[in-house]
Structures are given as structure tokens and as C-alpha cells.
Amino acid sequence: MSLEIVRSDYFTSEFKRLAKRYRSLAKDYEAFLESLKSNPLQGVEIAPNVRKIRMAIGSKGKGKSGGARVITLNALVTEQDGTVYLLLIYDKSDAPNVKMNVIKDIIRKTGL
């Protein structure tokens, strides 16, 4: 039983952009991954198998509510076995939410 976490190209590019702005993001991301591994079904389901998860950014000092949002696509066999695709990360202060057609476009371009 293992949970595989795969980053999309779009996630990686946005993560790098945010990491330049927030020094603590790499450490916060590691804590997020540990949390995701223990509970891959956390967050709010915004479409079938697509979840929006809050992630704190320590250097912002606002906790989870003012931090980043991570959009995931779950392909789980069981709760602790399968694959979680990290599709998108964005700063809530930049955009309070992301339109569903943008998420669908990322899923399509990723080939999922």
C-alpha cells in the first residue's frame, strides 16, 4: 500500500514562481505532503475526484485561510493506495478561486 504523488508541469512552474515570493514555501510544501499522505481526501471536493486543499504559507503569517490553495486529482484505489496528481497551486491573495474550465484544461493537457 502506497500513495504516489505526481506534480503536473503547471503545478511545478507555479510553485517555482511562488517560492521566489515566499521563502518558507519549500518547508511548508513538505509539511503539506506529509499531511496529504496521511489523508489524501482532505479539502473540499469541487468536482468528482478533484479537490481544493488549503495550505499554510508560514512567511505570510496568515495560516491556512490566507495561504495557498492546491488543486488535486485523486486516482485512489483505497484511501491510502493510489495516485494523487497535484494540478495547480495558487496564492489565495492573487486569486480567491480558479474557474473549473481552467482546471479541466490542465487535466486535459496533463493527459489524465
PDB file of N, CA and C in Angstrom:
ATOM      1  N   MET A   1       0.840  -1.185   0.000  1.00  0.00           N
ATOM      2  CA  MET A   1       0.000   0.000   0.000  1.00  0.00           C
ATOM      3  C   MET A   1       0.885   1.249   0.000  1.00  0.00           C
ATOM      4  N   SER A   2       0.733   2.033  -1.033  1.00  0.00           N
ATOM      5  CA  SER A   2       1.484   3.279  -1.066  1.00  0.00           C
ATOM      6  C   SER A   2       0.709   4.319  -1.861  1.00  0.00           C
ATOM      7  N   LEU A   3       0.973   5.537  -1.521  1.00  0.00           N
ATOM      8  CA  LEU A   3       0.326   6.663  -2.186  1.00  0.00           C
ATOM      9  C   LEU A   3       1.389   7.390  -3.000  1.00  0.00           C
ATOM     10  N   GLU A   4       1.180   7.478  -4.294  1.00  0.00           N
ATOM     11  CA  GLU A   4       2.109   8.174  -5.169  1.00  0.00           C
ATOM     12  C   GLU A   4       1.585   9.589  -5.408  1.00  0.00           C
ATOM     13  N   ILE A   5       2.479  10.571  -5.310  1.00  0.00           N
ATOM     14  CA  ILE A   5       2.104  11.968  -5.543  1.00  0.00           C
ATOM     15  C   ILE A   5       2.872  12.459  -6.763  1.00  0.00           C
ATOM     16  N   VAL A   6       2.129  12.937  -7.774  1.00  0.00           N
ATOM     17  CA  VAL A   6       2.714  13.362  -9.046  1.00  0.00           C
ATOM     18  C   VAL A   6       2.398  14.838  -9.268  1.00  0.00           C
ATOM     19  N   ARG A   7       3.430  15.633  -9.564  1.00  0.00           N
ATOM     20  CA  ARG A   7       3.254  17.064  -9.830  1.00  0.00           C
ATOM     21  C   ARG A   7       3.100  17.302 -11.322  1.00  0.00           C
ATOM     22  N   SER A   8       2.092  18.080 -11.698  1.00  0.00           N
ATOM     23  CA  SER A   8       1.939  18.453 -13.109  1.00  0.00           C
ATOM     24  C   SER A   8       2.964  19.537 -13.446  1.00  0.00           C
ATOM     25  N   ASP A   9       3.218  19.718 -14.728  1.00  0.00           N
ATOM     26  CA  ASP A   9       4.148  20.763 -15.165  1.00  0.00           C
ATOM     27  C   ASP A   9       3.649  22.142 -14.747  1.00  0.00           C
ATOM     28  N   TYR A  10       2.339  22.341 -14.834  1.00  0.00           N
ATOM     29  CA  TYR A  10       1.756  23.629 -14.453  1.00  0.00           C
ATOM     30  C   TYR A  10       1.958  23.880 -12.958  1.00  0.00           C
ATOM     31  N   PHE A  11       1.755  22.847 -12.139  1.00  0.00           N
ATOM     32  CA  PHE A  11       1.981  22.964 -10.698  1.00  0.00           C
ATOM     33  C   PHE A  11       3.431  23.356 -10.434  1.00  0.00           C
ATOM     34  N   THR A  12       4.362  22.676 -11.095  1.00  0.00           N
ATOM     35  CA  THR A  12       5.784  22.929 -10.875  1.00  0.00           C
ATOM     36  C   THR A  12       6.161  24.364 -11.221  1.00  0.00           C
ATOM     37  N   SER A  13       5.667  24.877 -12.337  1.00  0.00           N
ATOM     38  CA  SER A  13       6.014  26.247 -12.723  1.00  0.00           C
ATOM     39  C   SER A  13       5.411  27.273 -11.766  1.00  0.00           C
ATOM     40  N   GLU A  14       4.171  27.055 -11.345  1.00  0.00           N
ATOM     41  CA  GLU A  14       3.546  27.980 -10.393  1.00  0.00           C
ATOM     42  C   GLU A  14       4.210  27.894  -9.020  1.00  0.00           C
ATOM     43  N   PHE A  15       4.623  26.691  -8.624  1.00  0.00           N
ATOM     44  CA  PHE A  15       5.309  26.513  -7.346  1.00  0.00           C
ATOM     45  C   PHE A  15       6.619  27.300  -7.341  1.00  0.00           C
ATOM     46  N   LYS A  16       7.379  27.219  -8.416  1.00  0.00           N
ATOM     47  CA  LYS A  16       8.646  27.955  -8.505  1.00  0.00           C
ATOM     48  C   LYS A  16       8.411  29.455  -8.413  1.00  0.00           C
ATOM     49  N   ARG A  17       7.360  29.931  -9.080  1.00  0.00           N
ATOM     50  CA  ARG A  17       7.039  31.361  -9.043  1.00  0.00           C
ATOM     51  C   ARG A  17       6.699  31.805  -7.623  1.00  0.00           C
ATOM     52  N   LEU A  18       5.879  31.003  -6.930  1.00  0.00           N
ATOM     53  CA  LEU A  18       5.505  31.348  -5.554  1.00  0.00           C
ATOM     54  C   LEU A  18       6.685  31.215  -4.596  1.00  0.00           C
ATOM     55  N   ALA A  19       7.578  30.247  -4.841  1.00  0.00           N
ATOM     56  CA  ALA A  19       8.733  30.032  -3.958  1.00  0.00           C
ATOM     57  C   ALA A  19       9.680  31.228  -3.980  1.00  0.00           C
ATOM     58  N   LYS A  20       9.725  31.952  -5.090  1.00  0.00           N
ATOM     59  CA  LYS A  20      10.553  33.157  -5.154  1.00  0.00           C
ATOM     60  C   LYS A  20       9.985  34.252  -4.263  1.00  0.00           C
ATOM     61  N   ARG A  21       8.667  34.261  -4.118  1.00  0.00           N
ATOM     62  CA  ARG A  21       7.999  35.291  -3.331  1.00  0.00           C
ATOM     63  C   ARG A  21       7.958  34.937  -1.843  1.00  0.00           C
ATOM     64  N   TYR A  22       7.814  33.642  -1.532  1.00  0.00           N
ATOM     65  CA  TYR A  22       7.664  33.201  -0.144  1.00  0.00           C
ATOM     66  C   TYR A  22       8.765  32.205   0.199  1.00  0.00           C
ATOM     67  N   ARG A  23       9.709  32.639   1.029  1.00  0.00           N
ATOM     68  CA  ARG A  23      10.877  31.831   1.371  1.00  0.00           C
ATOM     69  C   ARG A  23      10.531  30.530   2.090  1.00  0.00           C
ATOM     70  N   SER A  24       9.448  30.517   2.841  1.00  0.00           N
ATOM     71  CA  SER A  24       9.111  29.328   3.632  1.00  0.00           C
ATOM     72  C   SER A  24       8.341  28.283   2.833  1.00  0.00           C
ATOM     73  N   LEU A  25       8.064  28.532   1.561  1.00  0.00           N
ATOM     74  CA  LEU A  25       7.182  27.655   0.788  1.00  0.00           C
ATOM     75  C   LEU A  25       7.710  26.227   0.675  1.00  0.00           C
ATOM     76  N   ALA A  26       9.002  26.050   0.503  1.00  0.00           N
ATOM     77  CA  ALA A  26       9.549  24.691   0.372  1.00  0.00           C
ATOM     78  C   ALA A  26       9.295  23.882   1.643  1.00  0.00           C
ATOM     79  N   LYS A  27       9.519  24.492   2.793  1.00  0.00           N
ATOM     80  CA  LYS A  27       9.269  23.816   4.072  1.00  0.00           C
ATOM     81  C   LYS A  27       7.768  23.578   4.267  1.00  0.00           C
ATOM     82  N   ASP A  28       6.962  24.551   3.919  1.00  0.00           N
ATOM     83  CA  ASP A  28       5.507  24.410   4.034  1.00  0.00           C
ATOM     84  C   ASP A  28       4.994  23.306   3.114  1.00  0.00           C
ATOM     85  N   TYR A  29       5.601  23.183   1.943  1.00  0.00           N
ATOM     86  CA  TYR A  29       5.215  22.153   0.975  1.00  0.00           C
ATOM     87  C   TYR A  29       5.513  20.755   1.524  1.00  0.00           C
ATOM     88  N   GLU A  30       6.660  20.602   2.186  1.00  0.00           N
ATOM     89  CA  GLU A  30       6.999  19.299   2.785  1.00  0.00           C
ATOM     90  C   GLU A  30       5.968  18.915   3.845  1.00  0.00           C
ATOM     91  N   ALA A  31       5.555  19.877   4.670  1.00  0.00           N
ATOM     92  CA  ALA A  31       4.522  19.608   5.681  1.00  0.00           C
ATOM     93  C   ALA A  31       3.198  19.264   5.003  1.00  0.00           C
ATOM     94  N   PHE A  32       2.890  19.944   3.909  1.00  0.00           N
ATOM     95  CA  PHE A  32       1.670  19.661   3.159  1.00  0.00           C
ATOM     96  C   PHE A  32       1.687  18.233   2.617  1.00  0.00           C
ATOM     97  N   LEU A  33       2.829  17.804   2.069  1.00  0.00           N
ATOM     98  CA  LEU A  33       2.929  16.445   1.526  1.00  0.00           C
ATOM     99  C   LEU A  33       2.711  15.393   2.606  1.00  0.00           C
ATOM    100  N   GLU A  34       3.281  15.618   3.784  1.00  0.00           N
ATOM    101  CA  GLU A  34       3.075  14.670   4.888  1.00  0.00           C
ATOM    102  C   GLU A  34       1.599  14.602   5.264  1.00  0.00           C
ATOM    103  N   SER A  35       0.953  15.750   5.317  1.00  0.00           N
ATOM    104  CA  SER A  35      -0.475  15.801   5.622  1.00  0.00           C
ATOM    105  C   SER A  35      -1.290  15.101   4.539  1.00  0.00           C
ATOM    106  N   LEU A  36      -0.909  15.303   3.284  1.00  0.00           N
ATOM    107  CA  LEU A  36      -1.620  14.692   2.161  1.00  0.00           C
ATOM    108  C   LEU A  36      -1.460  13.175   2.165  1.00  0.00           C
ATOM    109  N   LYS A  37      -0.268  12.700   2.516  1.00  0.00           N
ATOM    110  CA  LYS A  37      -0.035  11.253   2.580  1.00  0.00           C
ATOM    111  C   LYS A  37      -0.878  10.606   3.667  1.00  0.00           C
ATOM    112  N   SER A  38      -1.061  11.302   4.781  1.00  0.00           N
ATOM    113  CA  SER A  38      -1.859  10.730   5.868  1.00  0.00           C
ATOM    114  C   SER A  38      -3.355  10.828   5.589  1.00  0.00           C
ATOM    115  N   ASN A  39      -3.778  11.833   4.803  1.00  0.00           N
ATOM    116  CA  ASN A  39      -5.196  11.993   4.483  1.00  0.00           C
ATOM    117  C   ASN A  39      -5.350  12.574   3.074  1.00  0.00           C
ATOM    118  N   PRO A  40      -5.343  11.714   2.039  1.00  0.00           N
ATOM    119  CA  PRO A  40      -5.450  12.227   0.672  1.00  0.00           C
ATOM    120  C   PRO A  40      -6.828  12.783   0.323  1.00  0.00           C
ATOM    121  N   LEU A  41      -7.817  12.553   1.177  1.00  0.00           N
ATOM    122  CA  LEU A  41      -9.170  13.044   0.903  1.00  0.00           C
ATOM    123  C   LEU A  41      -9.495  14.324   1.665  1.00  0.00           C
ATOM    124  N   GLN A  42      -8.471  15.028   2.139  1.00  0.00           N
ATOM    125  CA  GLN A  42      -8.718  16.288   2.839  1.00  0.00           C
ATOM    126  C   GLN A  42      -9.139  17.365   1.850  1.00  0.00           C
ATOM    127  N   GLY A  43      -9.633  18.452   2.350  1.00  0.00           N
ATOM    128  CA  GLY A  43     -10.058  19.554   1.497  1.00  0.00           C
ATOM    129  C   GLY A  43     -11.493  19.404   1.047  1.00  0.00           C
ATOM    130  N   VAL A  44     -11.874  20.232   0.087  1.00  0.00           N
ATOM    131  CA  VAL A  44     -13.245  20.278  -0.416  1.00  0.00           C
ATOM    132  C   VAL A  44     -13.269  19.676  -1.817  1.00  0.00           C
ATOM    133  N   GLU A  45     -14.208  18.779  -2.054  1.00  0.00           N
ATOM    134  CA  GLU A  45     -14.351  18.204  -3.388  1.00  0.00           C
ATOM    135  C   GLU A  45     -15.114  19.200  -4.257  1.00  0.00           C
ATOM    136  N   ILE A  46     -14.473  19.693  -5.323  1.00  0.00           N
ATOM    137  CA  ILE A  46     -15.103  20.693  -6.188  1.00  0.00           C
ATOM    138  C   ILE A  46     -15.640  20.074  -7.477  1.00  0.00           C
ATOM    139  N   ALA A  47     -15.256  18.850  -7.753  1.00  0.00           N
ATOM    140  CA  ALA A  47     -15.756  18.054  -8.884  1.00  0.00           C
ATOM    141  C   ALA A  47     -15.417  16.604  -8.542  1.00  0.00           C
ATOM    142  N   PRO A  48     -15.990  15.646  -9.248  1.00  0.00           N
ATOM    143  CA  PRO A  48     -15.649  14.253  -8.940  1.00  0.00           C
ATOM    144  C   PRO A  48     -14.135  14.010  -9.008  1.00  0.00           C
ATOM    145  N   ASN A  49     -13.575  13.577  -7.895  1.00  0.00           N
ATOM    146  CA  ASN A  49     -12.146  13.266  -7.730  1.00  0.00           C
ATOM    147  C   ASN A  49     -11.228  14.482  -7.785  1.00  0.00           C
ATOM    148  N   VAL A  50     -11.758  15.688  -7.855  1.00  0.00           N
ATOM    149  CA  VAL A  50     -10.955  16.912  -7.857  1.00  0.00           C
ATOM    150  C   VAL A  50     -11.192  17.631  -6.537  1.00  0.00           C
ATOM    151  N   ARG A  51     -10.099  17.927  -5.827  1.00  0.00           N
ATOM    152  CA  ARG A  51     -10.212  18.540  -4.504  1.00  0.00           C
ATOM    153  C   ARG A  51      -9.409  19.839  -4.441  1.00  0.00           C
ATOM    154  N   LYS A  52      -9.895  20.773  -3.622  1.00  0.00           N
ATOM    155  CA  LYS A  52      -9.180  22.017  -3.336  1.00  0.00           C
ATOM    156  C   LYS A  52      -8.764  21.952  -1.872  1.00  0.00           C
ATOM    157  N   ILE A  53      -7.452  22.038  -1.642  1.00  0.00           N
ATOM    158  CA  ILE A  53      -6.904  21.884  -0.296  1.00  0.00           C
ATOM    159  C   ILE A  53      -6.194  23.175   0.101  1.00  0.00           C
ATOM    160  N   ARG A  54      -6.449  23.615   1.328  1.00  0.00           N
ATOM    161  CA  ARG A  54      -5.776  24.809   1.847  1.00  0.00           C
ATOM    162  C   ARG A  54      -4.379  24.430   2.336  1.00  0.00           C
ATOM    163  N   MET A  55      -3.407  25.300   2.067  1.00  0.00           N
ATOM    164  CA  MET A  55      -2.035  25.080   2.511  1.00  0.00           C
ATOM    165  C   MET A  55      -1.510  26.373   3.119  1.00  0.00           C
ATOM    166  N   ALA A  56      -1.014  26.281   4.332  1.00  0.00           N
ATOM    167  CA  ALA A  56      -0.462  27.461   5.001  1.00  0.00           C
ATOM    168  C   ALA A  56       0.876  27.843   4.370  1.00  0.00           C
ATOM    169  N   ILE A  57       1.135  29.146   4.328  1.00  0.00           N
ATOM    170  CA  ILE A  57       2.446  29.659   3.923  1.00  0.00           C
ATOM    171  C   ILE A  57       2.971  30.438   5.123  1.00  0.00           C
ATOM    172  N   GLY A  58       3.952  29.863   5.801  1.00  0.00           N
ATOM    173  CA  GLY A  58       4.455  30.431   7.050  1.00  0.00           C
ATOM    174  C   GLY A  58       4.947  31.859   6.928  1.00  0.00           C
ATOM    175  N   SER A  59       5.620  32.195   5.843  1.00  0.00           N
ATOM    176  CA  SER A  59       6.181  33.540   5.709  1.00  0.00           C
ATOM    177  C   SER A  59       5.112  34.606   5.472  1.00  0.00           C
ATOM    178  N   LYS A  60       3.887  34.200   5.138  1.00  0.00           N
ATOM    179  CA  LYS A  60       2.790  35.168   5.022  1.00  0.00           C
ATOM    180  C   LYS A  60       2.218  35.501   6.392  1.00  0.00           C
ATOM    181  N   GLY A  61       2.284  34.539   7.313  1.00  0.00           N
ATOM    182  CA  GLY A  61       1.785  34.759   8.661  1.00  0.00           C
ATOM    183  C   GLY A  61       0.273  34.804   8.766  1.00  0.00           C
ATOM    184  N   LYS A  62      -0.437  34.169   7.837  1.00  0.00           N
ATOM    185  CA  LYS A  62      -1.899  34.210   7.866  1.00  0.00           C
ATOM    186  C   LYS A  62      -2.527  32.835   8.046  1.00  0.00           C
ATOM    187  N   GLY A  63      -1.727  31.803   8.239  1.00  0.00           N
ATOM    188  CA  GLY A  63      -2.272  30.461   8.413  1.00  0.00           C
ATOM    189  C   GLY A  63      -2.852  29.912   7.122  1.00  0.00           C
ATOM    190  N   LYS A  64      -3.666  28.865   7.259  1.00  0.00           N
ATOM    191  CA  LYS A  64      -4.244  28.224   6.080  1.00  0.00           C
ATOM    192  C   LYS A  64      -5.242  29.119   5.358  1.00  0.00           C
ATOM    193  N   SER A  65      -5.995  29.914   6.097  1.00  0.00           N
ATOM    194  CA  SER A  65      -7.063  30.700   5.467  1.00  0.00           C
ATOM    195  C   SER A  65      -6.525  31.744   4.495  1.00  0.00           C
ATOM    196  N   GLY A  66      -5.336  32.268   4.732  1.00  0.00           N
ATOM    197  CA  GLY A  66      -4.770  33.272   3.843  1.00  0.00           C
ATOM    198  C   GLY A  66      -3.607  32.760   3.026  1.00  0.00           C
ATOM    199  N   GLY A  67      -3.385  31.456   3.036  1.00  0.00           N
ATOM    200  CA  GLY A  67      -2.235  30.874   2.352  1.00  0.00           C
ATOM    201  C   GLY A  67      -2.501  30.514   0.911  1.00  0.00           C
ATOM    202  N   ALA A  68      -2.023  29.348   0.532  1.00  0.00           N
ATOM    203  CA  ALA A  68      -2.155  28.878  -0.849  1.00  0.00           C
ATOM    204  C   ALA A  68      -3.281  27.866  -0.952  1.00  0.00           C
ATOM    205  N   ARG A  69      -3.687  27.613  -2.184  1.00  0.00           N
ATOM    206  CA  ARG A  69      -4.660  26.566  -2.484  1.00  0.00           C
ATOM    207  C   ARG A  69      -4.004  25.603  -3.459  1.00  0.00           C
ATOM    208  N   VAL A  70      -4.215  24.316  -3.218  1.00  0.00           N
ATOM    209  CA  VAL A  70      -3.673  23.279  -4.090  1.00  0.00           C
ATOM    210  C   VAL A  70      -4.852  22.502  -4.655  1.00  0.00           C
ATOM    211  N   ILE A  71      -4.913  22.390  -5.972  1.00  0.00           N
ATOM    212  CA  ILE A  71      -5.955  21.609  -6.636  1.00  0.00           C
ATOM    213  C   ILE A  71      -5.357  20.246  -6.964  1.00  0.00           C
ATOM    214  N   THR A  72      -6.035  19.179  -6.515  1.00  0.00           N
ATOM    215  CA  THR A  72      -5.549  17.822  -6.738  1.00  0.00           C
ATOM    216  C   THR A  72      -6.574  17.002  -7.503  1.00  0.00           C
ATOM    217  N   LEU A  73      -6.085  15.983  -8.178  1.00  0.00           N
ATOM    218  CA  LEU A  73      -6.935  14.991  -8.829  1.00  0.00           C
ATOM    219  C   LEU A  73      -6.578  13.657  -8.207  1.00  0.00           C
ATOM    220  N   ASN A  74      -7.558  12.998  -7.601  1.00  0.00           N
ATOM    221  CA  ASN A  74      -7.313  11.735  -6.912  1.00  0.00           C
ATOM    222  C   ASN A  74      -7.675  10.558  -7.799  1.00  0.00           C
ATOM    223  N   ALA A  75      -6.744   9.632  -7.941  1.00  0.00           N
ATOM    224  CA  ALA A  75      -6.994   8.355  -8.606  1.00  0.00           C
ATOM    225  C   ALA A  75      -6.651   7.287  -7.573  1.00  0.00           C
ATOM    226  N   LEU A  76      -7.541   7.130  -6.593  1.00  0.00           N
ATOM    227  CA  LEU A  76      -7.270   6.258  -5.455  1.00  0.00           C
ATOM    228  C   LEU A  76      -7.938   4.905  -5.625  1.00  0.00           C
ATOM    229  N   VAL A  77      -7.201   3.847  -5.260  1.00  0.00           N
ATOM    230  CA  VAL A  77      -7.774   2.508  -5.202  1.00  0.00           C
ATOM    231  C   VAL A  77      -8.427   2.331  -3.839  1.00  0.00           C
ATOM    232  N   THR A  78      -7.688   2.688  -2.799  1.00  0.00           N
ATOM    233  CA  THR A  78      -8.211   2.778  -1.439  1.00  0.00           C
ATOM    234  C   THR A  78      -7.775   4.135  -0.910  1.00  0.00           C
ATOM    235  N   GLU A  79      -8.147   4.441   0.319  1.00  0.00           N
ATOM    236  CA  GLU A  79      -7.801   5.758   0.865  1.00  0.00           C
ATOM    237  C   GLU A  79      -6.291   5.960   0.982  1.00  0.00           C
ATOM    238  N   GLN A  80      -5.515   4.882   1.141  1.00  0.00           N
ATOM    239  CA  GLN A  80      -4.069   5.002   1.296  1.00  0.00           C
ATOM    240  C   GLN A  80      -3.292   4.389   0.131  1.00  0.00           C
ATOM    241  N   ASP A  81      -3.955   4.062  -0.965  1.00  0.00           N
ATOM    242  CA  ASP A  81      -3.288   3.417  -2.088  1.00  0.00           C
ATOM    243  C   ASP A  81      -3.801   4.015  -3.396  1.00  0.00           C
ATOM    244  N   GLY A  82      -2.899   4.504  -4.222  1.00  0.00           N
ATOM    245  CA  GLY A  82      -3.289   5.099  -5.491  1.00  0.00           C
ATOM    246  C   GLY A  82      -2.377   6.259  -5.838  1.00  0.00           C
ATOM    247  N   THR A  83      -2.894   7.174  -6.645  1.00  0.00           N
ATOM    248  CA  THR A  83      -2.109   8.316  -7.110  1.00  0.00           C
ATOM    249  C   THR A  83      -2.883   9.607  -6.876  1.00  0.00           C
ATOM    250  N   VAL A  84      -2.174  10.622  -6.390  1.00  0.00           N
ATOM    251  CA  VAL A  84      -2.732  11.965  -6.256  1.00  0.00           C
ATOM    252  C   VAL A  84      -1.916  12.871  -7.172  1.00  0.00           C
ATOM    253  N   TYR A  85      -2.599  13.508  -8.106  1.00  0.00           N
ATOM    254  CA  TYR A  85      -1.947  14.427  -9.039  1.00  0.00           C
ATOM    255  C   TYR A  85      -2.114  15.851  -8.521  1.00  0.00           C
ATOM    256  N   LEU A  86      -1.001  16.546  -8.338  1.00  0.00           N
ATOM    257  CA  LEU A  86      -1.035  17.950  -7.934  1.00  0.00           C
ATOM    258  C   LEU A  86      -1.134  18.772  -9.217  1.00  0.00           C
ATOM    259  N   LEU A  87      -2.312  19.322  -9.470  1.00  0.00           N
ATOM    260  CA  LEU A  87      -2.573  20.005 -10.731  1.00  0.00           C
ATOM    261  C   LEU A  87      -2.160  21.465 -10.714  1.00  0.00           C
ATOM    262  N   LEU A  88      -2.418  22.145  -9.600  1.00  0.00           N
ATOM    263  CA  LEU A  88      -2.308  23.599  -9.583  1.00  0.00           C
ATOM    264  C   LEU A  88      -2.083  24.071  -8.160  1.00  0.00           C
ATOM    265  N   ILE A  89      -1.249  25.079  -7.997  1.00  0.00           N
ATOM    266  CA  ILE A  89      -1.097  25.769  -6.717  1.00  0.00           C
ATOM    267  C   ILE A  89      -1.218  27.260  -7.005  1.00  0.00           C
ATOM    268  N   TYR A  90      -1.934  27.962  -6.134  1.00  0.00           N
ATOM    269  CA  TYR A  90      -2.060  29.410  -6.315  1.00  0.00           C
ATOM    270  C   TYR A  90      -2.211  30.072  -4.955  1.00  0.00           C
ATOM    271  N   ASP A  91      -1.806  31.334  -4.901  1.00  0.00           N
ATOM    272  CA  ASP A  91      -1.910  32.139  -3.687  1.00  0.00           C
ATOM    273  C   ASP A  91      -3.324  32.701  -3.614  1.00  0.00           C
ATOM    274  N   LYS A  92      -3.971  32.524  -2.478  1.00  0.00           N
ATOM    275  CA  LYS A  92      -5.346  32.996  -2.343  1.00  0.00           C
ATOM    276  C   LYS A  92      -5.441  34.513  -2.517  1.00  0.00           C
ATOM    277  N   SER A  93      -4.406  35.241  -2.127  1.00  0.00           N
ATOM    278  CA  SER A  93      -4.460  36.698  -2.281  1.00  0.00           C
ATOM    279  C   SER A  93      -4.355  37.112  -3.756  1.00  0.00           C
ATOM    280  N   ASP A  94      -3.794  36.255  -4.610  1.00  0.00           N
ATOM    281  CA  ASP A  94      -3.737  36.539  -6.051  1.00  0.00           C
ATOM    282  C   ASP A  94      -5.067  36.237  -6.726  1.00  0.00           C
ATOM    283  N   ALA A  95      -5.689  35.133  -6.326  1.00  0.00           N
ATOM    284  CA  ALA A  95      -6.966  34.720  -6.919  1.00  0.00           C
ATOM    285  C   ALA A  95      -7.744  33.942  -5.867  1.00  0.00           C
ATOM    286  N   PRO A  96      -8.929  34.407  -5.477  1.00  0.00           N
ATOM    287  CA  PRO A  96      -9.693  33.697  -4.445  1.00  0.00           C
ATOM    288  C   PRO A  96     -10.125  32.300  -4.880  1.00  0.00           C
ATOM    289  N   ASN A  97     -10.320  32.097  -6.182  1.00  0.00           N
ATOM    290  CA  ASN A  97     -10.657  30.765  -6.682  1.00  0.00           C
ATOM    291  C   ASN A  97     -10.246  30.662  -8.149  1.00  0.00           C
ATOM    292  N   VAL A  98     -10.350  29.453  -8.680  1.00  0.00           N
ATOM    293  CA  VAL A  98      -9.982  29.185 -10.067  1.00  0.00           C
ATOM    294  C   VAL A  98     -11.201  28.619 -10.770  1.00  0.00           C
ATOM    295  N   LYS A  99     -11.438  29.058 -11.979  1.00  0.00           N
ATOM    296  CA  LYS A  99     -12.602  28.572 -12.731  1.00  0.00           C
ATOM    297  C   LYS A  99     -12.403  27.109 -13.119  1.00  0.00           C
ATOM    298  N   MET A 100     -13.512  26.379 -13.146  1.00  0.00           N
ATOM    299  CA  MET A 100     -13.470  24.953 -13.436  1.00  0.00           C
ATOM    300  C   MET A 100     -12.933  24.667 -14.833  1.00  0.00           C
ATOM    301  N   ASN A 101     -13.185  25.550 -15.798  1.00  0.00           N
ATOM    302  CA  ASN A 101     -12.669  25.289 -17.149  1.00  0.00           C
ATOM    303  C   ASN A 101     -11.141  25.338 -17.194  1.00  0.00           C
ATOM    304  N   VAL A 102     -10.510  26.134 -16.324  1.00  0.00           N
ATOM    305  CA  VAL A 102      -9.047  26.169 -16.230  1.00  0.00           C
ATOM    306  C   VAL A 102      -8.540  24.835 -15.689  1.00  0.00           C
ATOM    307  N   ILE A 103      -9.215  24.319 -14.663  1.00  0.00           N
ATOM    308  CA  ILE A 103      -8.824  23.036 -14.076  1.00  0.00           C
ATOM    309  C   ILE A 103      -8.990  21.914 -15.099  1.00  0.00           C
ATOM    310  N   LYS A 104     -10.102  21.911 -15.817  1.00  0.00           N
ATOM    311  CA  LYS A 104     -10.330  20.881 -16.847  1.00  0.00           C
ATOM    312  C   LYS A 104      -9.273  20.959 -17.939  1.00  0.00           C
ATOM    313  N   ASP A 105      -8.857  22.172 -18.294  1.00  0.00           N
ATOM    314  CA  ASP A 105      -7.830  22.347 -19.311  1.00  0.00           C
ATOM    315  C   ASP A 105      -6.494  21.769 -18.841  1.00  0.00           C
ATOM    316  N   ILE A 106      -6.142  21.993 -17.581  1.00  0.00           N
ATOM    317  CA  ILE A 106      -4.899  21.438 -17.031  1.00  0.00           C
ATOM    318  C   ILE A 106      -4.965  19.913 -17.023  1.00  0.00           C
ATOM    319  N   ILE A 107      -6.118  19.362 -16.637  1.00  0.00           N
ATOM    320  CA  ILE A 107      -6.289  17.903 -16.632  1.00  0.00           C
ATOM    321  C   ILE A 107      -6.120  17.357 -18.048  1.00  0.00           C
ATOM    322  N   ARG A 108      -6.716  18.017 -19.022  1.00  0.00           N
ATOM    323  CA  ARG A 108      -6.625  17.569 -20.413  1.00  0.00           C
ATOM    324  C   ARG A 108      -5.188  17.644 -20.923  1.00  0.00           C
ATOM    325  N   LYS A 109      -4.494  18.747 -20.631  1.00  0.00           N
ATOM    326  CA  LYS A 109      -3.113  18.911 -21.092  1.00  0.00           C
ATOM    327  C   LYS A 109      -2.161  17.935 -20.408  1.00  0.00           C
ATOM    328  N   THR A 110      -2.502  17.533 -19.187  1.00  0.00           N
ATOM    329  CA  THR A 110      -1.677  16.569 -18.461  1.00  0.00           C
ATOM    330  C   THR A 110      -1.899  15.154 -18.992  1.00  0.00           C
ATOM    331  N   GLY A 111      -3.003  14.946 -19.675  1.00  0.00           N
ATOM    332  CA  GLY A 111      -3.303  13.635 -20.245  1.00  0.00           C
ATOM    333  C   GLY A 111      -3.994  12.699 -19.279  1.00  0.00           C
ATOM    334  N   LEU A 112      -4.716  13.268 -18.336  1.00  0.00           N
ATOM    335  CA  LEU A 112      -5.399  12.431 -17.341  1.00  0.00           C
ATOM    336  C   LEU A 112      -6.822  12.205 -17.716  1.00  0.00           C
TER     337      LEU A 112
END
